[in-house]
Amino acid sequence: MNVYDVIKKQIEENSIILYMKGTAQFPQCGFSSRAVSLLNASGAKNFATVNILEEPDIRQGIKEFSNWPTIPQLYIKGNFIGGSDIMAEMYETGELQELVKEVVAD
């Protein structure tokens, strides 16, 4: 399996997945920490994370897969949402909470 197949499989198998630096319990950068906090505040109880610091192929591959140059990257129900800035904007409008609520309701 190439790196794109691995990423696609991860996204398909997890309703909410965050590609980040570190883990949800121990984020390794401020942007990743912010993304985890926003997901938690939105009601996401169980979401998958991929520590790109431990996965160099995925670290580069996810940027090419999404055509988005930065980490963290959030996917919900197979759809690319964006990074922590977009997540913050969506949280302010209530949009992020609605997306999370749809996943929790499934």
PDB file of N, CA and C in Angstrom:
ATOM      1  N   MET A   1       0.846  -1.186   0.000  1.00  0.00           N
ATOM      2  CA  MET A   1       0.000   0.000   0.000  1.00  0.00           C
ATOM      3  C   MET A   1       0.886   1.242   0.000  1.00  0.00           C
ATOM      4  N   ASN A   2       0.589   2.182  -0.885  1.00  0.00           N
ATOM      5  CA  ASN A   2       1.357   3.419  -0.858  1.00  0.00           C
ATOM      6  C   ASN A   2       0.776   4.373   0.187  1.00  0.00           C
ATOM      7  N   VAL A   3       1.457   5.477   0.413  1.00  0.00           N
ATOM      8  CA  VAL A   3       1.070   6.395   1.488  1.00  0.00           C
ATOM      9  C   VAL A   3      -0.331   6.977   1.261  1.00  0.00           C
ATOM     10  N   TYR A   4      -0.704   7.217   0.014  1.00  0.00           N
ATOM     11  CA  TYR A   4      -2.041   7.763  -0.263  1.00  0.00           C
ATOM     12  C   TYR A   4      -3.129   6.750   0.066  1.00  0.00           C
ATOM     13  N   ASP A   5      -2.852   5.470  -0.189  1.00  0.00           N
ATOM     14  CA  ASP A   5      -3.806   4.415   0.163  1.00  0.00           C
ATOM     15  C   ASP A   5      -3.962   4.318   1.679  1.00  0.00           C
ATOM     16  N   VAL A   6      -2.855   4.448   2.401  1.00  0.00           N
ATOM     17  CA  VAL A   6      -2.892   4.418   3.870  1.00  0.00           C
ATOM     18  C   VAL A   6      -3.727   5.579   4.394  1.00  0.00           C
ATOM     19  N   ILE A   7      -3.483   6.779   3.874  1.00  0.00           N
ATOM     20  CA  ILE A   7      -4.225   7.969   4.307  1.00  0.00           C
ATOM     21  C   ILE A   7      -5.707   7.812   3.987  1.00  0.00           C
ATOM     22  N   LYS A   8      -6.009   7.382   2.781  1.00  0.00           N
ATOM     23  CA  LYS A   8      -7.407   7.209   2.373  1.00  0.00           C
ATOM     24  C   LYS A   8      -8.104   6.218   3.295  1.00  0.00           C
ATOM     25  N   LYS A   9      -7.441   5.127   3.628  1.00  0.00           N
ATOM     26  CA  LYS A   9      -8.007   4.113   4.519  1.00  0.00           C
ATOM     27  C   LYS A   9      -8.246   4.692   5.919  1.00  0.00           C
ATOM     28  N   GLN A  10      -7.289   5.465   6.432  1.00  0.00           N
ATOM     29  CA  GLN A  10      -7.450   6.085   7.748  1.00  0.00           C
ATOM     30  C   GLN A  10      -8.664   7.006   7.769  1.00  0.00           C
ATOM     31  N   ILE A  11      -8.809   7.799   6.725  1.00  0.00           N
ATOM     32  CA  ILE A  11      -9.913   8.758   6.649  1.00  0.00           C
ATOM     33  C   ILE A  11     -11.253   8.032   6.531  1.00  0.00           C
ATOM     34  N   GLU A  12     -11.277   6.948   5.751  1.00  0.00           N
ATOM     35  CA  GLU A  12     -12.512   6.187   5.586  1.00  0.00           C
ATOM     36  C   GLU A  12     -12.915   5.459   6.864  1.00  0.00           C
ATOM     37  N   GLU A  13     -11.937   5.011   7.638  1.00  0.00           N
ATOM     38  CA  GLU A  13     -12.222   4.203   8.824  1.00  0.00           C
ATOM     39  C   GLU A  13     -12.527   5.022  10.075  1.00  0.00           C
ATOM     40  N   ASN A  14     -12.315   6.327  10.025  1.00  0.00           N
ATOM     41  CA  ASN A  14     -12.524   7.181  11.199  1.00  0.00           C
ATOM     42  C   ASN A  14     -13.429   8.345  10.850  1.00  0.00           C
ATOM     43  N   SER A  15     -14.536   8.462  11.560  1.00  0.00           N
ATOM     44  CA  SER A  15     -15.482   9.556  11.287  1.00  0.00           C
ATOM     45  C   SER A  15     -14.847  10.922  11.498  1.00  0.00           C
ATOM     46  N   ILE A  16     -13.993  11.017  12.513  1.00  0.00           N
ATOM     47  CA  ILE A  16     -13.238  12.241  12.771  1.00  0.00           C
ATOM     48  C   ILE A  16     -11.782  11.837  12.936  1.00  0.00           C
ATOM     49  N   ILE A  17     -10.922  12.427  12.129  1.00  0.00           N
ATOM     50  CA  ILE A  17      -9.492  12.144  12.233  1.00  0.00           C
ATOM     51  C   ILE A  17      -8.717  13.448  12.088  1.00  0.00           C
ATOM     52  N   LEU A  18      -7.749  13.609  12.971  1.00  0.00           N
ATOM     53  CA  LEU A  18      -6.915  14.807  12.996  1.00  0.00           C
ATOM     54  C   LEU A  18      -5.464  14.405  12.785  1.00  0.00           C
ATOM     55  N   TYR A  19      -4.884  14.911  11.719  1.00  0.00           N
ATOM     56  CA  TYR A  19      -3.451  14.739  11.471  1.00  0.00           C
ATOM     57  C   TYR A  19      -2.769  15.897  12.189  1.00  0.00           C
ATOM     58  N   MET A  20      -1.889  15.563  13.130  1.00  0.00           N
ATOM     59  CA  MET A  20      -1.347  16.592  14.021  1.00  0.00           C
ATOM     60  C   MET A  20       0.078  16.268  14.433  1.00  0.00           C
ATOM     61  N   LYS A  21       0.693  17.232  15.080  1.00  0.00           N
ATOM     62  CA  LYS A  21       2.010  17.026  15.687  1.00  0.00           C
ATOM     63  C   LYS A  21       1.766  16.627  17.140  1.00  0.00           C
ATOM     64  N   GLY A  22       2.142  15.395  17.471  1.00  0.00           N
ATOM     65  CA  GLY A  22       1.908  14.883  18.817  1.00  0.00           C
ATOM     66  C   GLY A  22       0.632  14.069  18.864  1.00  0.00           C
ATOM     67  N   THR A  23       0.104  13.943  20.074  1.00  0.00           N
ATOM     68  CA  THR A  23      -1.121  13.180  20.300  1.00  0.00           C
ATOM     69  C   THR A  23      -2.158  14.095  20.952  1.00  0.00           C
ATOM     70  N   ALA A  24      -3.393  13.611  21.023  1.00  0.00           N
ATOM     71  CA  ALA A  24      -4.442  14.407  21.665  1.00  0.00           C
ATOM     72  C   ALA A  24      -4.100  14.671  23.134  1.00  0.00           C
ATOM     73  N   GLN A  25      -3.452  13.708  23.775  1.00  0.00           N
ATOM     74  CA  GLN A  25      -3.073  13.871  25.183  1.00  0.00           C
ATOM     75  C   GLN A  25      -1.834  14.749  25.345  1.00  0.00           C
ATOM     76  N   PHE A  26      -0.988  14.797  24.314  1.00  0.00           N
ATOM     77  CA  PHE A  26       0.257  15.557  24.411  1.00  0.00           C
ATOM     78  C   PHE A  26       0.606  16.192  23.060  1.00  0.00           C
ATOM     79  N   PRO A  27      -0.137  17.245  22.686  1.00  0.00           N
ATOM     80  CA  PRO A  27       0.151  17.935  21.428  1.00  0.00           C
ATOM     81  C   PRO A  27       1.563  18.524  21.449  1.00  0.00           C
ATOM     82  N   GLN A  28       2.216  18.513  20.292  1.00  0.00           N
ATOM     83  CA  GLN A  28       3.598  18.977  20.189  1.00  0.00           C
ATOM     84  C   GLN A  28       3.727  20.360  19.542  1.00  0.00           C
ATOM     85  N   CYS A  29       2.610  21.035  19.286  1.00  0.00           N
ATOM     86  CA  CYS A  29       2.679  22.415  18.804  1.00  0.00           C
ATOM     87  C   CYS A  29       1.384  23.118  19.176  1.00  0.00           C
ATOM     88  N   GLY A  30       1.435  24.420  19.194  1.00  0.00           N
ATOM     89  CA  GLY A  30       0.275  25.217  19.590  1.00  0.00           C
ATOM     90  C   GLY A  30      -0.925  25.028  18.687  1.00  0.00           C
ATOM     91  N   PHE A  31      -0.698  24.914  17.386  1.00  0.00           N
ATOM     92  CA  PHE A  31      -1.805  24.748  16.447  1.00  0.00           C
ATOM     93  C   PHE A  31      -2.502  23.407  16.654  1.00  0.00           C
ATOM     94  N   SER A  32      -1.717  22.353  16.893  1.00  0.00           N
ATOM     95  CA  SER A  32      -2.301  21.039  17.151  1.00  0.00           C
ATOM     96  C   SER A  32      -3.060  21.044  18.478  1.00  0.00           C
ATOM     97  N   SER A  33      -2.518  21.702  19.477  1.00  0.00           N
ATOM     98  CA  SER A  33      -3.184  21.819  20.763  1.00  0.00           C
ATOM     99  C   SER A  33      -4.527  22.541  20.611  1.00  0.00           C
ATOM    100  N   ARG A  34      -4.508  23.606  19.841  1.00  0.00           N
ATOM    101  CA  ARG A  34      -5.733  24.375  19.589  1.00  0.00           C
ATOM    102  C   ARG A  34      -6.771  23.506  18.878  1.00  0.00           C
ATOM    103  N   ALA A  35      -6.337  22.733  17.894  1.00  0.00           N
ATOM    104  CA  ALA A  35      -7.263  21.871  17.152  1.00  0.00           C
ATOM    105  C   ALA A  35      -7.913  20.845  18.074  1.00  0.00           C
ATOM    106  N   VAL A  36      -7.130  20.219  18.949  1.00  0.00           N
ATOM    107  CA  VAL A  36      -7.664  19.243  19.897  1.00  0.00           C
ATOM    108  C   VAL A  36      -8.658  19.920  20.840  1.00  0.00           C
ATOM    109  N   SER A  37      -8.309  21.095  21.330  1.00  0.00           N
ATOM    110  CA  SER A  37      -9.206  21.829  22.238  1.00  0.00           C
ATOM    111  C   SER A  37     -10.528  22.169  21.560  1.00  0.00           C
ATOM    112  N   LEU A  38     -10.458  22.580  20.299  1.00  0.00           N
ATOM    113  CA  LEU A  38     -11.682  22.914  19.557  1.00  0.00           C
ATOM    114  C   LEU A  38     -12.559  21.688  19.336  1.00  0.00           C
ATOM    115  N   LEU A  39     -11.941  20.558  19.030  1.00  0.00           N
ATOM    116  CA  LEU A  39     -12.723  19.325  18.872  1.00  0.00           C
ATOM    117  C   LEU A  39     -13.385  18.932  20.193  1.00  0.00           C
ATOM    118  N   ASN A  40     -12.628  18.998  21.271  1.00  0.00           N
ATOM    119  CA  ASN A  40     -13.189  18.664  22.583  1.00  0.00           C
ATOM    120  C   ASN A  40     -14.327  19.600  22.949  1.00  0.00           C
ATOM    121  N   ALA A  41     -14.132  20.888  22.712  1.00  0.00           N
ATOM    122  CA  ALA A  41     -15.163  21.881  23.031  1.00  0.00           C
ATOM    123  C   ALA A  41     -16.402  21.704  22.154  1.00  0.00           C
ATOM    124  N   SER A  42     -16.232  21.080  21.002  1.00  0.00           N
ATOM    125  CA  SER A  42     -17.353  20.859  20.074  1.00  0.00           C
ATOM    126  C   SER A  42     -18.107  19.575  20.384  1.00  0.00           C
ATOM    127  N   GLY A  43     -17.641  18.824  21.371  1.00  0.00           N
ATOM    128  CA  GLY A  43     -18.339  17.621  21.778  1.00  0.00           C
ATOM    129  C   GLY A  43     -17.790  16.331  21.191  1.00  0.00           C
ATOM    130  N   ALA A  44     -16.667  16.398  20.506  1.00  0.00           N
ATOM    131  CA  ALA A  44     -16.059  15.177  19.957  1.00  0.00           C
ATOM    132  C   ALA A  44     -15.465  14.381  21.111  1.00  0.00           C
ATOM    133  N   LYS A  45     -16.011  13.205  21.332  1.00  0.00           N
ATOM    134  CA  LYS A  45     -15.525  12.373  22.441  1.00  0.00           C
ATOM    135  C   LYS A  45     -14.416  11.443  21.983  1.00  0.00           C
ATOM    136  N   ASN A  46     -14.665  10.760  20.904  1.00  0.00           N
ATOM    137  CA  ASN A  46     -13.688   9.806  20.381  1.00  0.00           C
ATOM    138  C   ASN A  46     -13.321  10.219  18.967  1.00  0.00           C
ATOM    139  N   PHE A  47     -12.122  10.678  18.815  1.00  0.00           N
ATOM    140  CA  PHE A  47     -11.643  10.983  17.472  1.00  0.00           C
ATOM    141  C   PHE A  47     -10.238  10.429  17.332  1.00  0.00           C
ATOM    142  N   ALA A  48      -9.921  10.055  16.113  1.00  0.00           N
ATOM    143  CA  ALA A  48      -8.612   9.476  15.833  1.00  0.00           C
ATOM    144  C   ALA A  48      -7.605  10.589  15.576  1.00  0.00           C
ATOM    145  N   THR A  49      -6.366  10.310  15.928  1.00  0.00           N
ATOM    146  CA  THR A  49      -5.281  11.236  15.603  1.00  0.00           C
ATOM    147  C   THR A  49      -4.145  10.447  14.974  1.00  0.00           C
ATOM    148  N   VAL A  50      -3.400  11.126  14.130  1.00  0.00           N
ATOM    149  CA  VAL A  50      -2.189  10.557  13.555  1.00  0.00           C
ATOM    150  C   VAL A  50      -1.065  11.529  13.873  1.00  0.00           C
ATOM    151  N   ASN A  51      -0.076  11.047  14.601  1.00  0.00           N
ATOM    152  CA  ASN A  51       1.084  11.864  14.966  1.00  0.00           C
ATOM    153  C   ASN A  51       2.043  11.873  13.783  1.00  0.00           C
ATOM    154  N   ILE A  52       2.036  12.952  13.026  1.00  0.00           N
ATOM    155  CA  ILE A  52       2.862  13.013  11.817  1.00  0.00           C
ATOM    156  C   ILE A  52       4.353  13.115  12.149  1.00  0.00           C
ATOM    157  N   LEU A  53       4.688  13.420  13.393  1.00  0.00           N
ATOM    158  CA  LEU A  53       6.099  13.455  13.789  1.00  0.00           C
ATOM    159  C   LEU A  53       6.693  12.046  13.800  1.00  0.00           C
ATOM    160  N   GLU A  54       5.835  11.044  14.009  1.00  0.00           N
ATOM    161  CA  GLU A  54       6.285   9.655  14.013  1.00  0.00           C
ATOM    162  C   GLU A  54       6.072   8.976  12.659  1.00  0.00           C
ATOM    163  N   GLU A  55       5.448   9.674  11.727  1.00  0.00           N
ATOM    164  CA  GLU A  55       5.110   9.102  10.416  1.00  0.00           C
ATOM    165  C   GLU A  55       5.577  10.042   9.311  1.00  0.00           C
ATOM    166  N   PRO A  56       6.885  10.069   8.996  1.00  0.00           N
ATOM    167  CA  PRO A  56       7.390  11.029   8.005  1.00  0.00           C
ATOM    168  C   PRO A  56       6.745  10.905   6.624  1.00  0.00           C
ATOM    169  N   ASP A  57       6.400   9.684   6.210  1.00  0.00           N
ATOM    170  CA  ASP A  57       5.742   9.523   4.912  1.00  0.00           C
ATOM    171  C   ASP A  57       4.364  10.178   4.915  1.00  0.00           C
ATOM    172  N   ILE A  58       3.640   9.981   6.006  1.00  0.00           N
ATOM    173  CA  ILE A  58       2.312  10.589   6.120  1.00  0.00           C
ATOM    174  C   ILE A  58       2.438  12.096   6.292  1.00  0.00           C
ATOM    175  N   ARG A  59       3.463  12.548   6.973  1.00  0.00           N
ATOM    176  CA  ARG A  59       3.665  13.991   7.175  1.00  0.00           C
ATOM    177  C   ARG A  59       3.694  14.722   5.838  1.00  0.00           C
ATOM    178  N   GLN A  60       4.418  14.190   4.878  1.00  0.00           N
ATOM    179  CA  GLN A  60       4.467  14.800   3.553  1.00  0.00           C
ATOM    180  C   GLN A  60       3.249  14.400   2.723  1.00  0.00           C
ATOM    181  N   GLY A  61       2.865  13.148   2.832  1.00  0.00           N
ATOM    182  CA  GLY A  61       1.771  12.638   2.010  1.00  0.00           C
ATOM    183  C   GLY A  61       0.445  13.315   2.266  1.00  0.00           C
ATOM    184  N   ILE A  62       0.141  13.646   3.524  1.00  0.00           N
ATOM    185  CA  ILE A  62      -1.151  14.272   3.824  1.00  0.00           C
ATOM    186  C   ILE A  62      -1.222  15.668   3.212  1.00  0.00           C
ATOM    187  N   LYS A  63      -0.100  16.360   3.154  1.00  0.00           N
ATOM    188  CA  LYS A  63      -0.081  17.695   2.544  1.00  0.00           C
ATOM    189  C   LYS A  63      -0.391  17.610   1.057  1.00  0.00           C
ATOM    190  N   GLU A  64       0.146  16.580   0.407  1.00  0.00           N
ATOM    191  CA  GLU A  64      -0.118  16.385  -1.019  1.00  0.00           C
ATOM    192  C   GLU A  64      -1.536  15.846  -1.231  1.00  0.00           C
ATOM    193  N   PHE A  65      -1.981  14.951  -0.359  1.00  0.00           N
ATOM    194  CA  PHE A  65      -3.304  14.342  -0.465  1.00  0.00           C
ATOM    195  C   PHE A  65      -4.398  15.412  -0.422  1.00  0.00           C
ATOM    196  N   SER A  66      -4.256  16.350   0.503  1.00  0.00           N
ATOM    197  CA  SER A  66      -5.275  17.384   0.697  1.00  0.00           C
ATOM    198  C   SER A  66      -4.995  18.650  -0.106  1.00  0.00           C
ATOM    199  N   ASN A  67      -3.783  18.742  -0.639  1.00  0.00           N
ATOM    200  CA  ASN A  67      -3.338  19.967  -1.303  1.00  0.00           C
ATOM    201  C   ASN A  67      -3.415  21.156  -0.323  1.00  0.00           C
ATOM    202  N   TRP A  68      -3.003  20.875   0.906  1.00  0.00           N
ATOM    203  CA  TRP A  68      -3.012  21.869   1.994  1.00  0.00           C
ATOM    204  C   TRP A  68      -1.628  21.820   2.644  1.00  0.00           C
ATOM    205  N   PRO A  69      -0.932  22.950   2.750  1.00  0.00           N
ATOM    206  CA  PRO A  69       0.484  22.913   3.120  1.00  0.00           C
ATOM    207  C   PRO A  69       0.810  22.771   4.607  1.00  0.00           C
ATOM    208  N   THR A  70      -0.182  22.870   5.478  1.00  0.00           N
ATOM    209  CA  THR A  70       0.138  22.911   6.908  1.00  0.00           C
ATOM    210  C   THR A  70      -0.543  21.797   7.697  1.00  0.00           C
ATOM    211  N   ILE A  71      -0.022  21.576   8.880  1.00  0.00           N
ATOM    212  CA  ILE A  71      -0.551  20.628   9.861  1.00  0.00           C
ATOM    213  C   ILE A  71      -0.935  21.467  11.076  1.00  0.00           C
ATOM    214  N   PRO A  72      -2.027  21.193  11.754  1.00  0.00           N
ATOM    215  CA  PRO A  72      -2.898  20.040  11.675  1.00  0.00           C
ATOM    216  C   PRO A  72      -3.880  20.101  10.505  1.00  0.00           C
ATOM    217  N   GLN A  73      -4.446  18.936  10.216  1.00  0.00           N
ATOM    218  CA  GLN A  73      -5.487  18.816   9.207  1.00  0.00           C
ATOM    219  C   GLN A  73      -6.598  17.935   9.760  1.00  0.00           C
ATOM    220  N   LEU A  74      -7.825  18.432   9.639  1.00  0.00           N
ATOM    221  CA  LEU A  74      -8.991  17.727  10.168  1.00  0.00           C
ATOM    222  C   LEU A  74      -9.852  17.194   9.031  1.00  0.00           C
ATOM    223  N   TYR A  75     -10.288  15.946   9.193  1.00  0.00           N
ATOM    224  CA  TYR A  75     -11.261  15.335   8.289  1.00  0.00           C
ATOM    225  C   TYR A  75     -12.448  14.867   9.121  1.00  0.00           C
ATOM    226  N   ILE A  76     -13.648  15.177   8.657  1.00  0.00           N
ATOM    227  CA  ILE A  76     -14.870  14.708   9.300  1.00  0.00           C
ATOM    228  C   ILE A  76     -15.728  14.028   8.240  1.00  0.00           C
ATOM    229  N   LYS A  77     -16.101  12.793   8.517  1.00  0.00           N
ATOM    230  CA  LYS A  77     -16.901  11.982   7.590  1.00  0.00           C
ATOM    231  C   LYS A  77     -16.304  11.978   6.184  1.00  0.00           C
ATOM    232  N   GLY A  78     -14.996  11.857   6.118  1.00  0.00           N
ATOM    233  CA  GLY A  78     -14.314  11.754   4.840  1.00  0.00           C
ATOM    234  C   GLY A  78     -14.035  13.070   4.139  1.00  0.00           C
ATOM    235  N   ASN A  79     -14.505  14.162   4.706  1.00  0.00           N
ATOM    236  CA  ASN A  79     -14.332  15.479   4.083  1.00  0.00           C
ATOM    237  C   ASN A  79     -13.227  16.268   4.768  1.00  0.00           C
ATOM    238  N   PHE A  80     -12.360  16.861   3.960  1.00  0.00           N
ATOM    239  CA  PHE A  80     -11.309  17.711   4.502  1.00  0.00           C
ATOM    240  C   PHE A  80     -11.931  19.004   5.004  1.00  0.00           C
ATOM    241  N   ILE A  81     -11.663  19.342   6.258  1.00  0.00           N
ATOM    242  CA  ILE A  81     -12.215  20.544   6.873  1.00  0.00           C
ATOM    243  C   ILE A  81     -11.204  21.680   6.816  1.00  0.00           C
ATOM    244  N   GLY A  82      -9.966  21.425   7.223  1.00  0.00           N
ATOM    245  CA  GLY A  82      -8.940  22.459   7.219  1.00  0.00           C
ATOM    246  C   GLY A  82      -8.067  22.345   8.453  1.00  0.00           C
ATOM    247  N   GLY A  83      -7.347  23.421   8.720  1.00  0.00           N
ATOM    248  CA  GLY A  83      -6.447  23.478   9.856  1.00  0.00           C
ATOM    249  C   GLY A  83      -7.073  24.187  11.037  1.00  0.00           C
ATOM    250  N   SER A  84      -6.252  24.525  12.016  1.00  0.00           N
ATOM    251  CA  SER A  84      -6.777  25.078  13.265  1.00  0.00           C
ATOM    252  C   SER A  84      -7.433  26.450  13.081  1.00  0.00           C
ATOM    253  N   ASP A  85      -6.951  27.269  12.156  1.00  0.00           N
ATOM    254  CA  ASP A  85      -7.588  28.576  11.937  1.00  0.00           C
ATOM    255  C   ASP A  85      -9.003  28.416  11.393  1.00  0.00           C
ATOM    256  N   ILE A  86      -9.153  27.532  10.413  1.00  0.00           N
ATOM    257  CA  ILE A  86     -10.483  27.283   9.852  1.00  0.00           C
ATOM    258  C   ILE A  86     -11.382  26.647  10.898  1.00  0.00           C
ATOM    259  N   MET A  87     -10.817  25.732  11.683  1.00  0.00           N
ATOM    260  CA  MET A  87     -11.597  25.110  12.748  1.00  0.00           C
ATOM    261  C   MET A  87     -12.090  26.164  13.737  1.00  0.00           C
ATOM    262  N   ALA A  88     -11.235  27.123  14.080  1.00  0.00           N
ATOM    263  CA  ALA A  88     -11.620  28.186  15.021  1.00  0.00           C
ATOM    264  C   ALA A  88     -12.746  29.044  14.448  1.00  0.00           C
ATOM    265  N   GLU A  89     -12.631  29.383  13.175  1.00  0.00           N
ATOM    266  CA  GLU A  89     -13.693  30.169  12.524  1.00  0.00           C
ATOM    267  C   GLU A  89     -15.007  29.392  12.527  1.00  0.00           C
ATOM    268  N   MET A  90     -14.934  28.109  12.212  1.00  0.00           N
ATOM    269  CA  MET A  90     -16.133  27.275  12.193  1.00  0.00           C
ATOM    270  C   MET A  90     -16.717  27.115  13.593  1.00  0.00           C
ATOM    271  N   TYR A  91     -15.858  27.049  14.599  1.00  0.00           N
ATOM    272  CA  TYR A  91     -16.327  26.945  15.976  1.00  0.00           C
ATOM    273  C   TYR A  91     -17.093  28.206  16.372  1.00  0.00           C
ATOM    274  N   GLU A  92     -16.559  29.351  15.990  1.00  0.00           N
ATOM    275  CA  GLU A  92     -17.203  30.636  16.329  1.00  0.00           C
ATOM    276  C   GLU A  92     -18.603  30.743  15.739  1.00  0.00           C
ATOM    277  N   THR A  93     -18.805  30.170  14.562  1.00  0.00           N
ATOM    278  CA  THR A  93     -20.118  30.236  13.915  1.00  0.00           C
ATOM    279  C   THR A  93     -21.033  29.077  14.312  1.00  0.00           C
ATOM    280  N   GLY A  94     -20.491  28.098  15.033  1.00  0.00           N
ATOM    281  CA  GLY A  94     -21.268  26.931  15.431  1.00  0.00           C
ATOM    282  C   GLY A  94     -21.227  25.798  14.410  1.00  0.00           C
ATOM    283  N   GLU A  95     -20.565  26.028  13.294  1.00  0.00           N
ATOM    284  CA  GLU A  95     -20.514  25.039  12.218  1.00  0.00           C
ATOM    285  C   GLU A  95     -19.749  23.778  12.631  1.00  0.00           C
ATOM    286  N   LEU A  96     -18.657  23.950  13.353  1.00  0.00           N
ATOM    287  CA  LEU A  96     -17.869  22.796  13.778  1.00  0.00           C
ATOM    288  C   LEU A  96     -18.676  21.915  14.734  1.00  0.00           C
ATOM    289  N   GLN A  97     -19.386  22.539  15.657  1.00  0.00           N
ATOM    290  CA  GLN A  97     -20.201  21.787  16.605  1.00  0.00           C
ATOM    291  C   GLN A  97     -21.283  20.984  15.876  1.00  0.00           C
ATOM    292  N   GLU A  98     -21.869  21.572  14.822  1.00  0.00           N
ATOM    293  CA  GLU A  98     -22.895  20.875  14.048  1.00  0.00           C
ATOM    294  C   GLU A  98     -22.318  19.653  13.347  1.00  0.00           C
ATOM    295  N   LEU A  99     -21.130  19.800  12.754  1.00  0.00           N
ATOM    296  CA  LEU A  99     -20.495  18.658  12.077  1.00  0.00           C
ATOM    297  C   LEU A  99     -20.184  17.544  13.070  1.00  0.00           C
ATOM    298  N   VAL A 100     -19.672  17.923  14.231  1.00  0.00           N
ATOM    299  CA  VAL A 100     -19.369  16.930  15.256  1.00  0.00           C
ATOM    300  C   VAL A 100     -20.641  16.262  15.755  1.00  0.00           C
ATOM    301  N   LYS A 101     -21.682  17.036  15.940  1.00  0.00           N
ATOM    302  CA  LYS A 101     -22.961  16.496  16.429  1.00  0.00           C
ATOM    303  C   LYS A 101     -23.516  15.458  15.439  1.00  0.00           C
ATOM    304  N   GLU A 102     -23.351  15.704  14.135  1.00  0.00           N
ATOM    305  CA  GLU A 102     -23.801  14.743  13.123  1.00  0.00           C
ATOM    306  C   GLU A 102     -23.062  13.412  13.264  1.00  0.00           C
ATOM    307  N   VAL A 103     -21.780  13.483  13.547  1.00  0.00           N
ATOM    308  CA  VAL A 103     -20.982  12.255  13.708  1.00  0.00           C
ATOM    309  C   VAL A 103     -21.387  11.522  14.969  1.00  0.00           C
ATOM    310  N   VAL A 104     -21.544  12.260  16.054  1.00  0.00           N
ATOM    311  CA  VAL A 104     -21.917  11.661  17.339  1.00  0.00           C
ATOM    312  C   VAL A 104     -23.304  11.014  17.230  1.00  0.00           C
ATOM    313  N   ALA A 105     -24.197  11.615  16.443  1.00  0.00           N
ATOM    314  CA  ALA A 105     -25.551  11.091  16.284  1.00  0.00           C
ATOM    315  C   ALA A 105     -25.591   9.827  15.439  1.00  0.00           C
ATOM    316  N   ASP A 106     -24.605   9.637  14.563  1.00  0.00           N
ATOM    317  CA  ASP A 106     -24.593   8.442  13.684  1.00  0.00           C
ATOM    318  C   ASP A 106     -24.399   7.162  14.454  1.00  0.00           C
TER     319      ASP A 106
END
